[in-house]
Structure formats: C-alpha cells, structure tokens
Amino acid sequence: GVAVWALSSRPGASVQYHIDYAELLRYEYNVTVPPLFAGTIQCSALCNNDQIVNAAENVKTKRMVGGEFCVNLRGLDHYAEHGYKGVLSGDPMGGWKRPDSATCGVHFDSSNKWVTIPYACNRGIVHNGDLPHLSASIQHIDDD
C-alpha cells in the first residue's frame, strides 16, 4: 500500500525526528513495520539561497531559509537510541544539528551519519523506509 501525508508550514515550524510505519498494523497489532521506501516531495514555489543566486535577473522568486530534509543513515539502530520524536534521548531532533551556514548544497556529517538536504522547489527525495528523518525548522519565508 501507499500512505500520503501533506502539510503546509510556516516560519518556526518543523517535523520532528521519526520513522514512517504502517499505522494500521501499529494500531491493531502494536508492531512497527517501516515501509520499503519513503519519500518527500518539496513543491512550494519557494527557492533556497543557492537557487536565487542562479536565477535569471528578471525572474521574481520567493525565498525560504531552513526547512531542510534530514535523514540519518544509521537507521533503526539510531532510532533505538533516540525513540519517536527523541523521547528516549530527550532530543526531539534525534541529535541532528544544522550544518555551518557556509555549507551549501547537500551536506553529509560523517561523525554522526546525518545527511542534510536543503529545501528546493520541485525536489523529490526517496530513501530506504527504515531511516529516521525530520524536517528542520523554517527560519524565514518571504512575504507576498
């Protein structure tokens, strides 16, 4: 089967650390079964700073800062240490920290296995379904 979640967001909002799972099985049998694959589609007409720098001069673009998609490559072992929304570790972001602001593009932190992918309009991200992930807080969205 396929499950689809949609959400809109605002500055200050985030999606805390979690894994995806088959909710019906969780509710009926109290087992957590992650999907084979999970994905995120970033479709708001907003650009990150790198996209704005590369945009044509006559194209009006709105900017969003933050909202990165972050995934931990240690998988269920990492999740066992942190738990849903970090309840076991006390960290609702599962140990993720925003990379240095000088970093642009996709960032891999080899010390803790976090991959941070900046928001980009019309970007699709697919990953193994048993990887814990989150969406970082949105710091700014340009007004209309």
C-alpha atoms as a PDB file:
ATOM      1  CA  GLY A   1       0.000   0.000   0.000  1.00  0.00           C
ATOM      2  CA  VAL A   2       0.837   3.654  -0.136  1.00  0.00           C
ATOM      3  CA  ALA A   3       0.284   6.316   2.500  1.00  0.00           C
ATOM      4  CA  VAL A   4       0.395  10.013   1.624  1.00  0.00           C
ATOM      5  CA  TRP A   5       0.773  12.855   4.103  1.00  0.00           C
ATOM      6  CA  ALA A   6       0.554  16.503   3.094  1.00  0.00           C
ATOM      7  CA  LEU A   7       1.312  19.547   5.176  1.00  0.00           C
ATOM      8  CA  SER A   8       1.771  23.243   4.826  1.00  0.00           C
ATOM      9  CA  SER A   9       4.113  25.112   7.078  1.00  0.00           C
ATOM     10  CA  ARG A  10       5.163  28.490   8.424  1.00  0.00           C
ATOM     11  CA  PRO A  11       8.284  30.058   9.976  1.00  0.00           C
ATOM     12  CA  GLY A  12       9.272  28.293  13.187  1.00  0.00           C
ATOM     13  CA  ALA A  13       7.595  25.016  12.201  1.00  0.00           C
ATOM     14  CA  SER A  14       9.410  21.688  11.823  1.00  0.00           C
ATOM     15  CA  VAL A  15       8.660  17.966  11.607  1.00  0.00           C
ATOM     16  CA  GLN A  16      10.396  16.244  14.499  1.00  0.00           C
ATOM     17  CA  TYR A  17      12.574  13.140  14.294  1.00  0.00           C
ATOM     18  CA  HIS A  18      10.620   9.960  13.454  1.00  0.00           C
ATOM     19  CA  ILE A  19      10.382   6.887  11.248  1.00  0.00           C
ATOM     20  CA  ASP A  20       7.499   6.130   8.929  1.00  0.00           C
ATOM     21  CA  TYR A  21       5.484   2.984   9.611  1.00  0.00           C
ATOM     22  CA  ALA A  22       2.286   1.176   8.708  1.00  0.00           C
ATOM     23  CA  GLU A  23      -0.129   2.851  11.124  1.00  0.00           C
ATOM     24  CA  LEU A  24      -2.899   0.254  10.801  1.00  0.00           C
ATOM     25  CA  LEU A  25      -0.513  -2.523  11.888  1.00  0.00           C
ATOM     26  CA  ARG A  26       0.691  -0.359  14.777  1.00  0.00           C
ATOM     27  CA  TYR A  27      -2.844   0.325  15.987  1.00  0.00           C
ATOM     28  CA  GLU A  28      -4.202  -3.210  15.534  1.00  0.00           C
ATOM     29  CA  TYR A  29      -1.178  -5.363  16.477  1.00  0.00           C
ATOM     30  CA  ASN A  30       1.208  -2.977  18.288  1.00  0.00           C
ATOM     31  CA  VAL A  31       4.055  -3.672  15.844  1.00  0.00           C
ATOM     32  CA  THR A  32       6.038  -1.057  13.974  1.00  0.00           C
ATOM     33  CA  VAL A  33       6.675  -2.010  10.351  1.00  0.00           C
ATOM     34  CA  PRO A  34       8.545   0.593   8.286  1.00  0.00           C
ATOM     35  CA  PRO A  35       7.903   0.837   4.539  1.00  0.00           C
ATOM     36  CA  LEU A  36      10.372  -0.410   1.943  1.00  0.00           C
ATOM     37  CA  PHE A  37      10.834   3.155   0.708  1.00  0.00           C
ATOM     38  CA  ALA A  38       9.789   6.606   1.892  1.00  0.00           C
ATOM     39  CA  GLY A  39       9.823   9.894   0.076  1.00  0.00           C
ATOM     40  CA  THR A  40       9.329  13.618   0.298  1.00  0.00           C
ATOM     41  CA  ILE A  41       8.200  15.982  -2.433  1.00  0.00           C
ATOM     42  CA  GLN A  42       9.065  19.643  -1.939  1.00  0.00           C
ATOM     43  CA  CYS A  43       6.603  21.555  -4.076  1.00  0.00           C
ATOM     44  CA  SER A  44       6.061  25.046  -2.616  1.00  0.00           C
ATOM     45  CA  ALA A  45       7.094  27.767  -5.052  1.00  0.00           C
ATOM     46  CA  LEU A  46       9.962  28.875  -2.830  1.00  0.00           C
ATOM     47  CA  CYS A  47      13.687  28.884  -3.515  1.00  0.00           C
ATOM     48  CA  ASN A  48      16.702  28.437  -1.289  1.00  0.00           C
ATOM     49  CA  ASN A  49      19.594  30.921  -1.411  1.00  0.00           C
ATOM     50  CA  ASP A  50      21.590  28.841  -3.931  1.00  0.00           C
ATOM     51  CA  GLN A  51      18.642  28.780  -6.349  1.00  0.00           C
ATOM     52  CA  ILE A  52      18.112  32.550  -6.091  1.00  0.00           C
ATOM     53  CA  VAL A  53      21.781  33.224  -6.896  1.00  0.00           C
ATOM     54  CA  ASN A  54      21.411  31.098 -10.037  1.00  0.00           C
ATOM     55  CA  ALA A  55      18.002  32.513 -11.108  1.00  0.00           C
ATOM     56  CA  ALA A  56      17.643  34.802 -14.085  1.00  0.00           C
ATOM     57  CA  GLU A  57      17.596  38.505 -13.179  1.00  0.00           C
ATOM     58  CA  ASN A  58      14.065  39.044 -14.475  1.00  0.00           C
ATOM     59  CA  VAL A  59      12.567  36.118 -12.539  1.00  0.00           C
ATOM     60  CA  LYS A  60      10.876  37.099  -9.278  1.00  0.00           C
ATOM     61  CA  THR A  61      11.398  34.405  -6.680  1.00  0.00           C
ATOM     62  CA  LYS A  62      10.354  33.984  -3.065  1.00  0.00           C
ATOM     63  CA  ARG A  63      12.919  32.686  -0.652  1.00  0.00           C
ATOM     64  CA  MET A  64      12.730  30.192   2.176  1.00  0.00           C
ATOM     65  CA  VAL A  65      15.506  29.695   4.721  1.00  0.00           C
ATOM     66  CA  GLY A  66      15.527  26.413   6.636  1.00  0.00           C
ATOM     67  CA  GLY A  67      13.119  23.545   6.123  1.00  0.00           C
ATOM     68  CA  GLU A  68      15.924  21.137   5.249  1.00  0.00           C
ATOM     69  CA  PHE A  69      15.126  17.428   4.914  1.00  0.00           C
ATOM     70  CA  CYS A  70      17.447  15.442   7.190  1.00  0.00           C
ATOM     71  CA  VAL A  71      17.929  11.674   7.310  1.00  0.00           C
ATOM     72  CA  ASN A  72      20.154   9.507   9.495  1.00  0.00           C
ATOM     73  CA  LEU A  73      21.926   6.655   7.695  1.00  0.00           C
ATOM     74  CA  ARG A  74      22.346   4.543  10.862  1.00  0.00           C
ATOM     75  CA  GLY A  75      18.702   3.558  10.504  1.00  0.00           C
ATOM     76  CA  LEU A  76      16.854   1.632  13.183  1.00  0.00           C
ATOM     77  CA  ASP A  77      19.933   1.419  15.459  1.00  0.00           C
ATOM     78  CA  HIS A  78      19.909   5.218  15.635  1.00  0.00           C
ATOM     79  CA  TYR A  79      16.151   5.214  16.200  1.00  0.00           C
ATOM     80  CA  ALA A  80      16.529   2.711  19.075  1.00  0.00           C
ATOM     81  CA  GLU A  81      18.809   5.224  20.836  1.00  0.00           C
ATOM     82  CA  HIS A  82      16.538   8.254  20.341  1.00  0.00           C
ATOM     83  CA  GLY A  83      12.969   6.945  20.004  1.00  0.00           C
ATOM     84  CA  TYR A  84       9.937   8.647  18.487  1.00  0.00           C
ATOM     85  CA  LYS A  85      10.500  12.415  18.483  1.00  0.00           C
ATOM     86  CA  GLY A  86      13.600  11.829  20.647  1.00  0.00           C
ATOM     87  CA  VAL A  87      11.672  10.649  23.707  1.00  0.00           C
ATOM     88  CA  LEU A  88      14.493   8.262  24.749  1.00  0.00           C
ATOM     89  CA  SER A  89      17.368  10.737  24.340  1.00  0.00           C
ATOM     90  CA  GLY A  90      15.492  13.910  25.274  1.00  0.00           C
ATOM     91  CA  ASP A  91      16.358  15.446  21.895  1.00  0.00           C
ATOM     92  CA  PRO A  92      13.317  15.902  19.609  1.00  0.00           C
ATOM     93  CA  MET A  93      15.702  16.319  16.653  1.00  0.00           C
ATOM     94  CA  GLY A  94      17.468  12.979  17.256  1.00  0.00           C
ATOM     95  CA  GLY A  95      20.906  14.554  17.545  1.00  0.00           C
ATOM     96  CA  TRP A  96      20.697  16.480  14.261  1.00  0.00           C
ATOM     97  CA  LYS A  97      22.381  19.895  14.176  1.00  0.00           C
ATOM     98  CA  ARG A  98      22.092  22.425  11.338  1.00  0.00           C
ATOM     99  CA  PRO A  99      25.363  22.497   9.354  1.00  0.00           C
ATOM    100  CA  ASP A 100      27.527  25.610   9.284  1.00  0.00           C
ATOM    101  CA  SER A 101      25.795  28.369   7.320  1.00  0.00           C
ATOM    102  CA  ALA A 102      28.767  28.480   4.920  1.00  0.00           C
ATOM    103  CA  THR A 103      27.837  24.977   3.758  1.00  0.00           C
ATOM    104  CA  CYS A 104      25.641  24.919   0.661  1.00  0.00           C
ATOM    105  CA  GLY A 105      24.013  22.014  -1.113  1.00  0.00           C
ATOM    106  CA  VAL A 106      23.646  18.519   0.324  1.00  0.00           C
ATOM    107  CA  HIS A 107      25.733  18.021   3.476  1.00  0.00           C
ATOM    108  CA  PHE A 108      26.913  14.699   4.947  1.00  0.00           C
ATOM    109  CA  ASP A 109      28.217  14.665   8.524  1.00  0.00           C
ATOM    110  CA  SER A 110      30.410  11.554   8.705  1.00  0.00           C
ATOM    111  CA  SER A 111      30.710  11.760  12.509  1.00  0.00           C
ATOM    112  CA  ASN A 112      27.007  11.084  13.126  1.00  0.00           C
ATOM    113  CA  LYS A 113      25.743   9.893   9.697  1.00  0.00           C
ATOM    114  CA  TRP A 114      23.245  12.745   9.195  1.00  0.00           C
ATOM    115  CA  VAL A 115      22.513  13.843   5.624  1.00  0.00           C
ATOM    116  CA  THR A 116      21.037  17.352   5.324  1.00  0.00           C
ATOM    117  CA  ILE A 117      19.322  18.300   2.056  1.00  0.00           C
ATOM    118  CA  PRO A 118      18.260  21.933   1.542  1.00  0.00           C
ATOM    119  CA  TYR A 119      14.664  22.712   0.570  1.00  0.00           C
ATOM    120  CA  ALA A 120      14.296  23.220  -3.185  1.00  0.00           C
ATOM    121  CA  CYS A 121      11.071  23.681  -5.123  1.00  0.00           C
ATOM    122  CA  ASN A 122      10.211  20.639  -7.264  1.00  0.00           C
ATOM    123  CA  ARG A 123      12.669  18.349  -5.483  1.00  0.00           C
ATOM    124  CA  GLY A 124      11.795  14.713  -4.825  1.00  0.00           C
ATOM    125  CA  ILE A 125      13.714  12.702  -2.232  1.00  0.00           C
ATOM    126  CA  VAL A 126      13.408   8.904  -1.900  1.00  0.00           C
ATOM    127  CA  HIS A 127      15.170   6.901   0.800  1.00  0.00           C
ATOM    128  CA  ASN A 128      15.068   3.498   2.478  1.00  0.00           C
ATOM    129  CA  GLY A 129      11.928   3.339   4.582  1.00  0.00           C
ATOM    130  CA  ASP A 130      13.682   2.346   7.801  1.00  0.00           C
ATOM    131  CA  LEU A 131      15.767   5.528   8.054  1.00  0.00           C
ATOM    132  CA  PRO A 132      14.796   8.051  10.740  1.00  0.00           C
ATOM    133  CA  HIS A 133      14.289  11.548   9.398  1.00  0.00           C
ATOM    134  CA  LEU A 134      12.946  15.036  10.093  1.00  0.00           C
ATOM    135  CA  SER A 135      12.344  18.409   8.508  1.00  0.00           C
ATOM    136  CA  ALA A 136      14.318  21.193  10.160  1.00  0.00           C
ATOM    137  CA  SER A 137      12.646  24.361  11.368  1.00  0.00           C
ATOM    138  CA  ILE A 138      11.813  27.016   8.821  1.00  0.00           C
ATOM    139  CA  GLN A 139      13.691  30.173   9.699  1.00  0.00           C
ATOM    140  CA  HIS A 140      12.202  32.556   7.129  1.00  0.00           C
ATOM    141  CA  ILE A 141       9.704  32.699   4.258  1.00  0.00           C
ATOM    142  CA  ASP A 142       9.434  35.850   2.105  1.00  0.00           C
ATOM    143  CA  ASP A 143       6.095  37.632   2.342  1.00  0.00           C
ATOM    144  CA  ASP A 144       3.814  38.133  -0.671  1.00  0.00           C
END
